[in-house]
Amino acid sequence: MTPSRLIAAGFGCGFAPLAPGTVASAATLLPGALLLHISPALLPATALIATLAGLWAIRAAHVAGDPRWVVIDEVAGQLFALCGLADVSAVGLLAAFFIFRLLDVTKPGPIGWADRREGAAGIMADDVIAGAITAGIVWAIGSRWPALFR
């Protein structure tokens, strides 16, 4: 296995027999929560690094189409989704996870548009956009009802 394929596969999550994208998103919650706990500023920086690594890995692995095993896009998107949380809490993590997965699966509006783009940018863009929208939603919920995510 080449390093590019390992990264594109989300360090193995992409080889899960069922729902590899969901597995990758769920596996991202723990490191994402740790980053949020250590320093919230680390989370968007890590999400950006994951996005750039994904673009490189998908191109370097010569990925055609959007195969199920490529899940680095879900990793990056989930990291962006967690950026909307002010603190680590089980309810906040679950909200960010479920909202992100809902948007990633249903692909409304700009998420669907990005999903129809070709190449590495198209593979990454829909999940990054879904993550950004999720971050906005969980931020708004947490701002309106701060006790909900504590």
N, C-alpha and C. Protein backbone atom coordinates (compact mmCIF):
# COMPACT_ATOMS: atom_id res chain seq x y z
N MET A 1 0.85 -1.18 0.00
CA MET A 1 0.00 0.00 0.00
C MET A 1 0.89 1.24 0.00
N THR A 2 0.62 2.14 -0.92
CA THR A 2 1.40 3.37 -1.01
C THR A 2 0.91 4.37 0.04
N PRO A 3 1.76 5.31 0.42
CA PRO A 3 1.32 6.34 1.38
C PRO A 3 0.11 7.14 0.87
N SER A 4 0.07 7.41 -0.42
CA SER A 4 -1.06 8.18 -0.96
C SER A 4 -2.38 7.40 -0.83
N ARG A 5 -2.36 6.12 -1.09
CA ARG A 5 -3.57 5.31 -0.95
C ARG A 5 -3.97 5.16 0.52
N LEU A 6 -2.99 5.06 1.40
CA LEU A 6 -3.27 4.97 2.83
C LEU A 6 -3.96 6.24 3.33
N ILE A 7 -3.46 7.39 2.90
CA ILE A 7 -4.08 8.67 3.29
C ILE A 7 -5.46 8.79 2.67
N ALA A 8 -5.58 8.50 1.37
CA ALA A 8 -6.87 8.60 0.69
C ALA A 8 -7.91 7.70 1.36
N ALA A 9 -7.47 6.56 1.87
CA ALA A 9 -8.38 5.61 2.53
C ALA A 9 -8.60 5.95 4.00
N GLY A 10 -8.20 7.13 4.42
CA GLY A 10 -8.43 7.52 5.82
C GLY A 10 -7.73 6.59 6.78
N PHE A 11 -6.50 6.22 6.44
CA PHE A 11 -5.67 5.33 7.27
C PHE A 11 -6.37 4.00 7.55
N GLY A 12 -7.10 3.52 6.55
CA GLY A 12 -7.73 2.20 6.64
C GLY A 12 -9.23 2.23 6.81
N CYS A 13 -9.80 3.34 7.24
CA CYS A 13 -11.26 3.40 7.44
C CYS A 13 -12.02 3.13 6.15
N GLY A 14 -11.43 3.49 5.02
CA GLY A 14 -12.09 3.29 3.74
C GLY A 14 -12.28 1.83 3.36
N PHE A 15 -11.60 0.94 4.06
CA PHE A 15 -11.73 -0.49 3.76
C PHE A 15 -12.75 -1.18 4.66
N ALA A 16 -13.50 -0.41 5.44
CA ALA A 16 -14.58 -0.98 6.25
C ALA A 16 -15.62 -1.57 5.29
N PRO A 17 -16.14 -2.75 5.60
CA PRO A 17 -17.07 -3.40 4.68
C PRO A 17 -18.41 -2.68 4.54
N LEU A 18 -18.85 -2.00 5.57
CA LEU A 18 -20.11 -1.27 5.53
C LEU A 18 -19.89 0.19 5.86
N ALA A 19 -20.48 1.06 5.07
CA ALA A 19 -20.49 2.51 5.32
C ALA A 19 -19.11 3.07 5.66
N PRO A 20 -18.13 2.95 4.77
CA PRO A 20 -16.79 3.44 5.10
C PRO A 20 -16.73 4.94 5.37
N GLY A 21 -17.59 5.72 4.72
CA GLY A 21 -17.62 7.16 4.99
C GLY A 21 -18.08 7.46 6.40
N THR A 22 -19.07 6.74 6.85
CA THR A 22 -19.57 6.91 8.22
C THR A 22 -18.53 6.44 9.22
N VAL A 23 -17.85 5.34 8.92
CA VAL A 23 -16.79 4.84 9.79
C VAL A 23 -15.68 5.88 9.91
N ALA A 24 -15.29 6.49 8.79
CA ALA A 24 -14.24 7.50 8.81
C ALA A 24 -14.66 8.73 9.62
N SER A 25 -15.91 9.15 9.45
CA SER A 25 -16.41 10.30 10.22
C SER A 25 -16.42 10.00 11.71
N ALA A 26 -16.88 8.80 12.06
CA ALA A 26 -16.93 8.41 13.48
C ALA A 26 -15.52 8.30 14.05
N ALA A 27 -14.60 7.74 13.28
CA ALA A 27 -13.22 7.60 13.76
C ALA A 27 -12.54 8.95 13.95
N THR A 28 -13.02 9.96 13.25
CA THR A 28 -12.45 11.31 13.36
C THR A 28 -12.90 12.03 14.62
N LEU A 29 -13.99 11.58 15.23
CA LEU A 29 -14.52 12.28 16.41
C LEU A 29 -13.53 12.32 17.57
N LEU A 30 -12.88 11.23 17.87
CA LEU A 30 -11.96 11.20 19.01
C LEU A 30 -10.76 12.13 18.81
N PRO A 31 -10.02 12.02 17.71
CA PRO A 31 -8.91 12.98 17.54
C PRO A 31 -9.41 14.41 17.43
N GLY A 32 -10.57 14.61 16.81
CA GLY A 32 -11.13 15.95 16.71
C GLY A 32 -11.47 16.52 18.09
N ALA A 33 -12.07 15.69 18.95
CA ALA A 33 -12.39 16.13 20.31
C ALA A 33 -11.13 16.45 21.08
N LEU A 34 -10.10 15.64 20.90
CA LEU A 34 -8.82 15.89 21.58
C LEU A 34 -8.22 17.22 21.13
N LEU A 35 -8.24 17.49 19.84
CA LEU A 35 -7.73 18.77 19.33
C LEU A 35 -8.54 19.94 19.88
N LEU A 36 -9.86 19.80 19.91
CA LEU A 36 -10.72 20.85 20.44
C LEU A 36 -10.44 21.09 21.91
N HIS A 37 -10.18 20.01 22.64
CA HIS A 37 -9.88 20.13 24.08
C HIS A 37 -8.52 20.81 24.31
N ILE A 38 -7.52 20.43 23.54
CA ILE A 38 -6.17 21.00 23.70
C ILE A 38 -6.15 22.47 23.32
N SER A 39 -6.66 22.76 22.12
CA SER A 39 -6.69 24.13 21.64
C SER A 39 -7.63 24.22 20.45
N PRO A 40 -8.72 24.97 20.57
CA PRO A 40 -9.65 25.09 19.46
C PRO A 40 -9.00 25.58 18.16
N ALA A 41 -7.92 26.31 18.25
CA ALA A 41 -7.24 26.81 17.06
C ALA A 41 -6.59 25.69 16.25
N LEU A 42 -6.31 24.56 16.90
CA LEU A 42 -5.70 23.44 16.19
C LEU A 42 -6.67 22.76 15.24
N LEU A 43 -7.95 22.83 15.53
CA LEU A 43 -8.95 22.09 14.76
C LEU A 43 -9.06 22.59 13.31
N PRO A 44 -9.28 23.89 13.06
CA PRO A 44 -9.36 24.32 11.66
C PRO A 44 -8.03 24.13 10.91
N ALA A 45 -6.92 24.30 11.60
CA ALA A 45 -5.63 24.09 10.96
C ALA A 45 -5.47 22.63 10.55
N THR A 46 -5.89 21.72 11.41
CA THR A 46 -5.81 20.29 11.10
C THR A 46 -6.77 19.92 9.98
N ALA A 47 -7.95 20.53 9.97
CA ALA A 47 -8.92 20.28 8.89
C ALA A 47 -8.35 20.74 7.55
N LEU A 48 -7.69 21.87 7.55
CA LEU A 48 -7.07 22.37 6.32
C LEU A 48 -5.94 21.44 5.87
N ILE A 49 -5.13 20.99 6.80
CA ILE A 49 -4.06 20.05 6.47
C ILE A 49 -4.64 18.75 5.91
N ALA A 50 -5.72 18.25 6.51
CA ALA A 50 -6.37 17.03 6.02
C ALA A 50 -6.90 17.24 4.60
N THR A 51 -7.43 18.42 4.34
CA THR A 51 -7.94 18.73 3.00
C THR A 51 -6.81 18.74 1.98
N LEU A 52 -5.73 19.42 2.31
CA LEU A 52 -4.59 19.48 1.38
C LEU A 52 -3.96 18.10 1.19
N ALA A 53 -3.85 17.33 2.28
CA ALA A 53 -3.32 15.97 2.18
C ALA A 53 -4.24 15.11 1.31
N GLY A 54 -5.55 15.31 1.46
CA GLY A 54 -6.50 14.57 0.64
C GLY A 54 -6.37 14.89 -0.84
N LEU A 55 -6.25 16.17 -1.15
CA LEU A 55 -6.07 16.56 -2.55
C LEU A 55 -4.82 15.90 -3.13
N TRP A 56 -3.73 15.96 -2.38
CA TRP A 56 -2.48 15.34 -2.84
C TRP A 56 -2.65 13.83 -2.99
N ALA A 57 -3.20 13.18 -1.97
CA ALA A 57 -3.30 11.72 -1.96
C ALA A 57 -4.18 11.21 -3.09
N ILE A 58 -5.29 11.86 -3.33
CA ILE A 58 -6.21 11.42 -4.38
C ILE A 58 -5.54 11.54 -5.75
N ARG A 59 -4.83 12.64 -5.95
CA ARG A 59 -4.10 12.81 -7.22
C ARG A 59 -2.95 11.82 -7.33
N ALA A 60 -2.17 11.68 -6.28
CA ALA A 60 -1.00 10.80 -6.31
C ALA A 60 -1.39 9.34 -6.47
N ALA A 61 -2.55 8.96 -5.94
CA ALA A 61 -3.01 7.57 -6.05
C ALA A 61 -3.72 7.31 -7.38
N HIS A 62 -3.84 8.35 -8.20
CA HIS A 62 -4.49 8.24 -9.51
C HIS A 62 -5.91 7.67 -9.38
N VAL A 63 -6.66 8.24 -8.45
CA VAL A 63 -8.02 7.80 -8.19
C VAL A 63 -8.92 8.27 -9.34
N ALA A 64 -9.70 7.34 -9.87
CA ALA A 64 -10.68 7.67 -10.91
C ALA A 64 -12.07 7.62 -10.29
N GLY A 65 -12.88 8.62 -10.59
CA GLY A 65 -14.22 8.68 -10.02
C GLY A 65 -14.15 9.01 -8.54
N ASP A 66 -15.10 8.49 -7.79
CA ASP A 66 -15.13 8.69 -6.34
C ASP A 66 -15.43 7.34 -5.68
N PRO A 67 -14.40 6.47 -5.60
CA PRO A 67 -14.63 5.14 -5.05
C PRO A 67 -14.94 5.19 -3.56
N ARG A 68 -15.67 4.20 -3.08
CA ARG A 68 -16.09 4.13 -1.67
C ARG A 68 -14.92 4.15 -0.71
N TRP A 69 -13.78 3.60 -1.11
CA TRP A 69 -12.65 3.49 -0.19
C TRP A 69 -11.94 4.82 0.06
N VAL A 70 -12.20 5.82 -0.77
CA VAL A 70 -11.60 7.14 -0.55
C VAL A 70 -12.47 7.87 0.47
N VAL A 71 -11.93 8.03 1.68
CA VAL A 71 -12.70 8.65 2.77
C VAL A 71 -11.95 9.79 3.45
N ILE A 72 -10.82 10.20 2.91
CA ILE A 72 -10.11 11.35 3.50
C ILE A 72 -10.99 12.59 3.41
N ASP A 73 -11.89 12.63 2.45
CA ASP A 73 -12.82 13.75 2.35
C ASP A 73 -13.78 13.80 3.54
N GLU A 74 -14.22 12.63 4.02
CA GLU A 74 -15.06 12.60 5.21
C GLU A 74 -14.27 13.00 6.46
N VAL A 75 -13.02 12.60 6.52
CA VAL A 75 -12.17 12.99 7.66
C VAL A 75 -12.05 14.52 7.70
N ALA A 76 -11.70 15.13 6.58
CA ALA A 76 -11.55 16.59 6.53
C ALA A 76 -12.88 17.28 6.84
N GLY A 77 -13.95 16.81 6.22
CA GLY A 77 -15.26 17.42 6.44
C GLY A 77 -15.71 17.33 7.89
N GLN A 78 -15.47 16.17 8.53
CA GLN A 78 -15.86 16.02 9.93
C GLN A 78 -15.03 16.93 10.82
N LEU A 79 -13.76 17.10 10.50
CA LEU A 79 -12.93 18.04 11.28
C LEU A 79 -13.47 19.46 11.15
N PHE A 80 -13.84 19.86 9.94
CA PHE A 80 -14.42 21.19 9.77
C PHE A 80 -15.74 21.29 10.54
N ALA A 81 -16.55 20.25 10.53
CA ALA A 81 -17.84 20.27 11.25
C ALA A 81 -17.64 20.52 12.74
N LEU A 82 -16.59 19.94 13.31
CA LEU A 82 -16.33 20.11 14.74
C LEU A 82 -15.87 21.52 15.09
N CYS A 83 -15.46 22.29 14.10
CA CYS A 83 -15.00 23.67 14.35
C CYS A 83 -16.12 24.56 14.89
N GLY A 84 -17.36 24.15 14.72
CA GLY A 84 -18.47 24.95 15.23
C GLY A 84 -18.71 24.80 16.72
N LEU A 85 -18.02 23.87 17.36
CA LEU A 85 -18.20 23.63 18.79
C LEU A 85 -17.26 24.50 19.61
N ALA A 86 -17.78 25.03 20.70
CA ALA A 86 -16.96 25.84 21.60
C ALA A 86 -16.21 24.96 22.60
N ASP A 87 -16.82 23.86 22.99
CA ASP A 87 -16.26 22.95 23.99
C ASP A 87 -16.52 21.51 23.56
N VAL A 88 -15.79 20.60 24.17
CA VAL A 88 -16.02 19.18 23.93
C VAL A 88 -17.19 18.72 24.81
N SER A 89 -18.19 18.13 24.18
CA SER A 89 -19.29 17.50 24.92
C SER A 89 -19.83 16.38 24.05
N ALA A 90 -20.36 15.37 24.68
CA ALA A 90 -20.92 14.24 23.94
C ALA A 90 -22.05 14.69 23.02
N VAL A 91 -22.92 15.54 23.52
CA VAL A 91 -24.06 16.01 22.72
C VAL A 91 -23.56 16.83 21.52
N GLY A 92 -22.59 17.70 21.75
CA GLY A 92 -22.04 18.50 20.66
C GLY A 92 -21.36 17.65 19.60
N LEU A 93 -20.57 16.68 20.03
CA LEU A 93 -19.89 15.79 19.09
C LEU A 93 -20.91 14.99 18.27
N LEU A 94 -21.93 14.47 18.94
CA LEU A 94 -22.95 13.70 18.23
C LEU A 94 -23.74 14.58 17.27
N ALA A 95 -24.06 15.80 17.69
CA ALA A 95 -24.78 16.72 16.80
C ALA A 95 -23.94 17.02 15.55
N ALA A 96 -22.66 17.32 15.75
CA ALA A 96 -21.79 17.61 14.61
C ALA A 96 -21.67 16.39 13.69
N PHE A 97 -21.60 15.21 14.27
CA PHE A 97 -21.49 13.98 13.50
C PHE A 97 -22.77 13.74 12.68
N PHE A 98 -23.93 13.76 13.33
CA PHE A 98 -25.18 13.43 12.64
C PHE A 98 -25.57 14.49 11.61
N ILE A 99 -25.37 15.75 11.92
CA ILE A 99 -25.69 16.80 10.95
C ILE A 99 -24.77 16.69 9.75
N PHE A 100 -23.47 16.48 9.99
CA PHE A 100 -22.52 16.33 8.89
C PHE A 100 -22.89 15.14 8.00
N ARG A 101 -23.19 14.00 8.61
CA ARG A 101 -23.53 12.81 7.82
C ARG A 101 -24.82 13.04 7.03
N LEU A 102 -25.81 13.70 7.65
CA LEU A 102 -27.06 14.00 6.95
C LEU A 102 -26.80 14.85 5.72
N LEU A 103 -26.01 15.91 5.89
CA LEU A 103 -25.71 16.78 4.75
C LEU A 103 -24.87 16.06 3.71
N ASP A 104 -23.93 15.23 4.14
CA ASP A 104 -23.07 14.51 3.20
C ASP A 104 -23.87 13.49 2.39
N VAL A 105 -24.84 12.86 2.99
CA VAL A 105 -25.64 11.85 2.29
C VAL A 105 -26.68 12.49 1.38
N THR A 106 -27.38 13.52 1.88
CA THR A 106 -28.46 14.13 1.09
C THR A 106 -27.96 15.13 0.07
N LYS A 107 -26.82 15.75 0.31
CA LYS A 107 -26.15 16.68 -0.60
C LYS A 107 -27.06 17.81 -1.12
N PRO A 108 -27.62 18.60 -0.21
CA PRO A 108 -28.45 19.71 -0.67
C PRO A 108 -27.61 20.86 -1.23
N GLY A 109 -28.19 21.64 -2.12
CA GLY A 109 -27.61 22.88 -2.63
C GLY A 109 -26.17 22.80 -3.08
N PRO A 110 -25.32 23.63 -2.49
CA PRO A 110 -23.92 23.70 -2.95
C PRO A 110 -23.14 22.41 -2.71
N ILE A 111 -23.60 21.59 -1.78
CA ILE A 111 -22.92 20.32 -1.51
C ILE A 111 -23.11 19.40 -2.72
N GLY A 112 -24.31 19.33 -3.23
CA GLY A 112 -24.59 18.52 -4.42
C GLY A 112 -23.87 19.05 -5.64
N TRP A 113 -23.84 20.38 -5.78
CA TRP A 113 -23.12 20.98 -6.89
C TRP A 113 -21.65 20.57 -6.84
N ALA A 114 -21.02 20.68 -5.68
CA ALA A 114 -19.61 20.34 -5.54
C ALA A 114 -19.38 18.85 -5.80
N ASP A 115 -20.33 18.02 -5.40
CA ASP A 115 -20.20 16.58 -5.59
C ASP A 115 -20.16 16.19 -7.07
N ARG A 116 -20.74 17.02 -7.91
CA ARG A 116 -20.76 16.71 -9.34
C ARG A 116 -19.49 17.17 -10.07
N ARG A 117 -18.56 17.81 -9.35
CA ARG A 117 -17.29 18.23 -9.97
C ARG A 117 -16.38 17.01 -10.12
N GLU A 118 -15.50 17.07 -11.08
CA GLU A 118 -14.59 15.97 -11.37
C GLU A 118 -13.29 16.10 -10.59
N GLY A 119 -12.59 15.00 -10.44
CA GLY A 119 -11.24 15.00 -9.90
C GLY A 119 -11.17 15.13 -8.39
N ALA A 120 -9.94 15.33 -7.93
CA ALA A 120 -9.67 15.40 -6.49
C ALA A 120 -10.43 16.54 -5.83
N ALA A 121 -10.49 17.69 -6.50
CA ALA A 121 -11.21 18.83 -5.91
C ALA A 121 -12.68 18.52 -5.73
N GLY A 122 -13.28 17.82 -6.69
CA GLY A 122 -14.69 17.45 -6.57
C GLY A 122 -14.93 16.46 -5.44
N ILE A 123 -14.02 15.50 -5.29
CA ILE A 123 -14.15 14.52 -4.22
C ILE A 123 -14.10 15.21 -2.86
N MET A 124 -13.17 16.14 -2.71
CA MET A 124 -12.97 16.81 -1.42
C MET A 124 -14.01 17.89 -1.15
N ALA A 125 -14.41 18.62 -2.18
CA ALA A 125 -15.20 19.84 -1.98
C ALA A 125 -16.55 19.61 -1.32
N ASP A 126 -17.28 18.57 -1.71
CA ASP A 126 -18.62 18.41 -1.14
C ASP A 126 -18.56 18.18 0.36
N ASP A 127 -17.56 17.43 0.82
CA ASP A 127 -17.44 17.16 2.25
C ASP A 127 -16.92 18.37 3.03
N VAL A 128 -16.03 19.12 2.43
CA VAL A 128 -15.54 20.34 3.08
C VAL A 128 -16.69 21.35 3.22
N ILE A 129 -17.50 21.48 2.18
CA ILE A 129 -18.65 22.39 2.25
C ILE A 129 -19.66 21.88 3.28
N ALA A 130 -19.94 20.57 3.26
CA ALA A 130 -20.86 20.01 4.26
C ALA A 130 -20.34 20.23 5.67
N GLY A 131 -19.03 20.09 5.86
CA GLY A 131 -18.42 20.34 7.16
C GLY A 131 -18.55 21.79 7.59
N ALA A 132 -18.33 22.71 6.65
CA ALA A 132 -18.44 24.14 6.97
C ALA A 132 -19.88 24.51 7.32
N ILE A 133 -20.84 23.98 6.57
CA ILE A 133 -22.24 24.25 6.87
C ILE A 133 -22.61 23.66 8.23
N THR A 134 -22.14 22.46 8.49
CA THR A 134 -22.41 21.83 9.80
C THR A 134 -21.83 22.67 10.92
N ALA A 135 -20.61 23.17 10.74
CA ALA A 135 -19.98 24.03 11.76
C ALA A 135 -20.86 25.24 12.04
N GLY A 136 -21.40 25.83 10.99
CA GLY A 136 -22.29 26.98 11.18
C GLY A 136 -23.56 26.61 11.93
N ILE A 137 -24.11 25.46 11.62
CA ILE A 137 -25.34 25.01 12.29
C ILE A 137 -25.09 24.73 13.76
N VAL A 138 -24.03 23.96 14.07
CA VAL A 138 -23.78 23.65 15.48
C VAL A 138 -23.35 24.89 16.25
N TRP A 139 -22.66 25.81 15.60
CA TRP A 139 -22.30 27.07 16.26
C TRP A 139 -23.58 27.85 16.60
N ALA A 140 -24.51 27.92 15.65
CA ALA A 140 -25.76 28.65 15.89
C ALA A 140 -26.57 28.00 17.02
N ILE A 141 -26.65 26.68 17.01
CA ILE A 141 -27.37 25.97 18.08
C ILE A 141 -26.70 26.23 19.43
N GLY A 142 -25.37 26.12 19.46
CA GLY A 142 -24.63 26.34 20.70
C GLY A 142 -24.71 27.78 21.18
N SER A 143 -24.81 28.72 20.25
CA SER A 143 -24.95 30.13 20.63
C SER A 143 -26.32 30.42 21.22
N ARG A 144 -27.33 29.80 20.64
CA ARG A 144 -28.71 30.04 21.10
C ARG A 144 -29.01 29.29 22.39
N TRP A 145 -28.53 28.05 22.49
CA TRP A 145 -28.77 27.21 23.65
C TRP A 145 -27.43 26.66 24.17
N PRO A 146 -26.62 27.49 24.81
CA PRO A 146 -25.27 27.06 25.21
C PRO A 146 -25.26 25.88 26.15
N ALA A 147 -26.26 25.72 26.98
CA ALA A 147 -26.29 24.60 27.92
C ALA A 147 -26.47 23.26 27.20
N LEU A 148 -26.96 23.29 25.98
CA LEU A 148 -27.21 22.07 25.24
C LEU A 148 -25.91 21.30 24.95
N PHE A 149 -24.84 22.00 24.70
CA PHE A 149 -23.56 21.38 24.33
C PHE A 149 -22.55 21.34 25.48
N ARG A 150 -23.04 21.37 26.71
CA ARG A 150 -22.12 21.29 27.85
C ARG A 150 -22.20 19.96 28.50
